[in-house]
Amino acid sequence: MSEEKERRIPVGKVRNFHSQMGLCVIELSAPLQIGDRIIIKGTVTDLKQKVESMQIEKKDIEAAEAGKVIGLKVKDKVIPGDIVYRIE
């Protein structure tokens, strides 16, 4: 049986988390776009989801480049310092 391994590419780091809105702030080190599958991983965090909503300064965007700071809707709590990976 052959098992396909997911490739994880680091794309950013969580700067902040707003629990009331289910939103985290991420500083990107690589491009990210709507539809990408991501994992947010930290000491206690292990969240896997699809990117469904992103914003820059409260405006919806489809994609963002490295160096941008984005708001991302998340399904669970994340912690500042957690690493964001794109799954390929």
C-alpha atoms as a PDB file:
ATOM      1  CA  MET A   1       0.000   0.000   0.000  1.00  0.00           C
ATOM      2  CA  SER A   2       1.408   3.373  -0.948  1.00  0.00           C
ATOM      3  CA  GLU A   3       0.677   6.321   1.284  1.00  0.00           C
ATOM      4  CA  GLU A   4       0.843   9.828  -0.186  1.00  0.00           C
ATOM      5  CA  LYS A   5       2.556  12.254   2.173  1.00  0.00           C
ATOM      6  CA  GLU A   6       1.277  15.820   2.421  1.00  0.00           C
ATOM      7  CA  ARG A   7       3.915  18.456   1.848  1.00  0.00           C
ATOM      8  CA  ARG A   8       3.798  21.337   4.351  1.00  0.00           C
ATOM      9  CA  ILE A   9       5.154  24.692   3.248  1.00  0.00           C
ATOM     10  CA  PRO A  10       5.519  27.393   5.933  1.00  0.00           C
ATOM     11  CA  VAL A  11       3.558  30.482   4.875  1.00  0.00           C
ATOM     12  CA  GLY A  12       3.377  32.579   8.019  1.00  0.00           C
ATOM     13  CA  LYS A  13       3.074  33.048  11.747  1.00  0.00           C
ATOM     14  CA  VAL A  14       0.073  33.921  13.938  1.00  0.00           C
ATOM     15  CA  ARG A  15       0.462  37.389  15.479  1.00  0.00           C
ATOM     16  CA  ASN A  16      -2.873  37.644  17.298  1.00  0.00           C
ATOM     17  CA  PHE A  17      -6.183  35.845  17.850  1.00  0.00           C
ATOM     18  CA  HIS A  18      -9.613  37.433  18.368  1.00  0.00           C
ATOM     19  CA  SER A  19     -11.836  34.766  19.936  1.00  0.00           C
ATOM     20  CA  GLN A  20     -15.064  36.808  19.681  1.00  0.00           C
ATOM     21  CA  MET A  21     -14.728  36.922  15.880  1.00  0.00           C
ATOM     22  CA  GLY A  22     -12.922  33.611  15.317  1.00  0.00           C
ATOM     23  CA  LEU A  23     -10.244  35.594  13.523  1.00  0.00           C
ATOM     24  CA  CYS A  24      -6.477  35.373  13.628  1.00  0.00           C
ATOM     25  CA  VAL A  25      -3.918  37.846  12.356  1.00  0.00           C
ATOM     26  CA  ILE A  26      -1.117  36.268  10.322  1.00  0.00           C
ATOM     27  CA  GLU A  27       2.110  37.758   9.019  1.00  0.00           C
ATOM     28  CA  LEU A  28       2.789  35.985   5.733  1.00  0.00           C
ATOM     29  CA  SER A  29       6.221  34.742   4.684  1.00  0.00           C
ATOM     30  CA  ALA A  30       4.844  33.200   1.449  1.00  0.00           C
ATOM     31  CA  PRO A  31       1.733  33.693  -0.742  1.00  0.00           C
ATOM     32  CA  LEU A  32      -1.675  32.415   0.403  1.00  0.00           C
ATOM     33  CA  GLN A  33      -5.031  32.392  -1.383  1.00  0.00           C
ATOM     34  CA  ILE A  34      -8.662  31.430  -0.950  1.00  0.00           C
ATOM     35  CA  GLY A  35      -9.054  27.663  -1.413  1.00  0.00           C
ATOM     36  CA  ASP A  36      -5.616  26.758  -0.039  1.00  0.00           C
ATOM     37  CA  ARG A  37      -5.567  24.021   2.582  1.00  0.00           C
ATOM     38  CA  ILE A  38      -3.609  24.993   5.697  1.00  0.00           C
ATOM     39  CA  ILE A  39      -2.440  23.631   9.022  1.00  0.00           C
ATOM     40  CA  ILE A  40      -1.829  25.935  11.975  1.00  0.00           C
ATOM     41  CA  LYS A  41       0.584  24.193  14.311  1.00  0.00           C
ATOM     42  CA  GLY A  42       1.980  25.125  17.706  1.00  0.00           C
ATOM     43  CA  THR A  43       2.743  23.679  21.113  1.00  0.00           C
ATOM     44  CA  VAL A  44      -0.942  22.930  21.737  1.00  0.00           C
ATOM     45  CA  THR A  45      -2.493  23.986  18.415  1.00  0.00           C
ATOM     46  CA  ASP A  46      -3.110  21.516  15.592  1.00  0.00           C
ATOM     47  CA  LEU A  47      -5.771  23.004  13.312  1.00  0.00           C
ATOM     48  CA  LYS A  48      -6.354  21.867   9.731  1.00  0.00           C
ATOM     49  CA  GLN A  49      -8.762  23.789   7.476  1.00  0.00           C
ATOM     50  CA  LYS A  50      -9.383  25.336   4.077  1.00  0.00           C
ATOM     51  CA  VAL A  51      -8.863  29.093   3.602  1.00  0.00           C
ATOM     52  CA  GLU A  52     -12.399  30.416   3.058  1.00  0.00           C
ATOM     53  CA  SER A  53     -12.111  34.067   4.075  1.00  0.00           C
ATOM     54  CA  MET A  54      -9.175  36.509   4.193  1.00  0.00           C
ATOM     55  CA  GLN A  55      -8.992  40.246   4.737  1.00  0.00           C
ATOM     56  CA  ILE A  56      -6.495  43.072   4.702  1.00  0.00           C
ATOM     57  CA  GLU A  57      -7.618  46.123   6.700  1.00  0.00           C
ATOM     58  CA  LYS A  58     -11.208  44.788   6.853  1.00  0.00           C
ATOM     59  CA  LYS A  59     -11.458  44.358   3.055  1.00  0.00           C
ATOM     60  CA  ASP A  60     -12.058  40.888   1.592  1.00  0.00           C
ATOM     61  CA  ILE A  61      -9.228  39.602  -0.592  1.00  0.00           C
ATOM     62  CA  GLU A  62      -8.694  36.511  -2.747  1.00  0.00           C
ATOM     63  CA  ALA A  63      -4.903  36.267  -2.329  1.00  0.00           C
ATOM     64  CA  ALA A  64      -2.021  37.864  -0.435  1.00  0.00           C
ATOM     65  CA  GLU A  65       1.726  37.963  -1.001  1.00  0.00           C
ATOM     66  CA  ALA A  66       4.630  37.408   1.363  1.00  0.00           C
ATOM     67  CA  GLY A  67       5.137  40.319   3.759  1.00  0.00           C
ATOM     68  CA  LYS A  68       1.417  41.124   4.057  1.00  0.00           C
ATOM     69  CA  VAL A  69      -0.474  40.958   7.349  1.00  0.00           C
ATOM     70  CA  ILE A  70      -3.900  39.356   6.911  1.00  0.00           C
ATOM     71  CA  GLY A  71      -6.973  38.507   8.932  1.00  0.00           C
ATOM     72  CA  LEU A  72      -8.056  34.882   8.532  1.00  0.00           C
ATOM     73  CA  LYS A  73     -11.256  33.210   9.775  1.00  0.00           C
ATOM     74  CA  VAL A  74     -10.391  30.105  11.791  1.00  0.00           C
ATOM     75  CA  LYS A  75     -12.531  27.272  13.136  1.00  0.00           C
ATOM     76  CA  ASP A  76     -10.789  26.983  16.504  1.00  0.00           C
ATOM     77  CA  LYS A  77      -8.486  28.846  18.898  1.00  0.00           C
ATOM     78  CA  VAL A  78      -4.923  29.562  17.796  1.00  0.00           C
ATOM     79  CA  ILE A  79      -2.049  31.109  19.735  1.00  0.00           C
ATOM     80  CA  PRO A  80       0.341  33.909  18.754  1.00  0.00           C
ATOM     81  CA  GLY A  81       3.567  32.303  17.537  1.00  0.00           C
ATOM     82  CA  ASP A  82       1.804  29.300  15.944  1.00  0.00           C
ATOM     83  CA  ILE A  83       3.149  28.496  12.472  1.00  0.00           C
ATOM     84  CA  VAL A  84       0.872  28.430   9.419  1.00  0.00           C
ATOM     85  CA  TYR A  85       1.623  25.822   6.729  1.00  0.00           C
ATOM     86  CA  ARG A  86       0.075  25.440   3.269  1.00  0.00           C
ATOM     87  CA  ILE A  87      -0.599  21.780   2.397  1.00  0.00           C
ATOM     88  CA  GLU A  88       0.349  20.579  -1.074  1.00  0.00           C
END
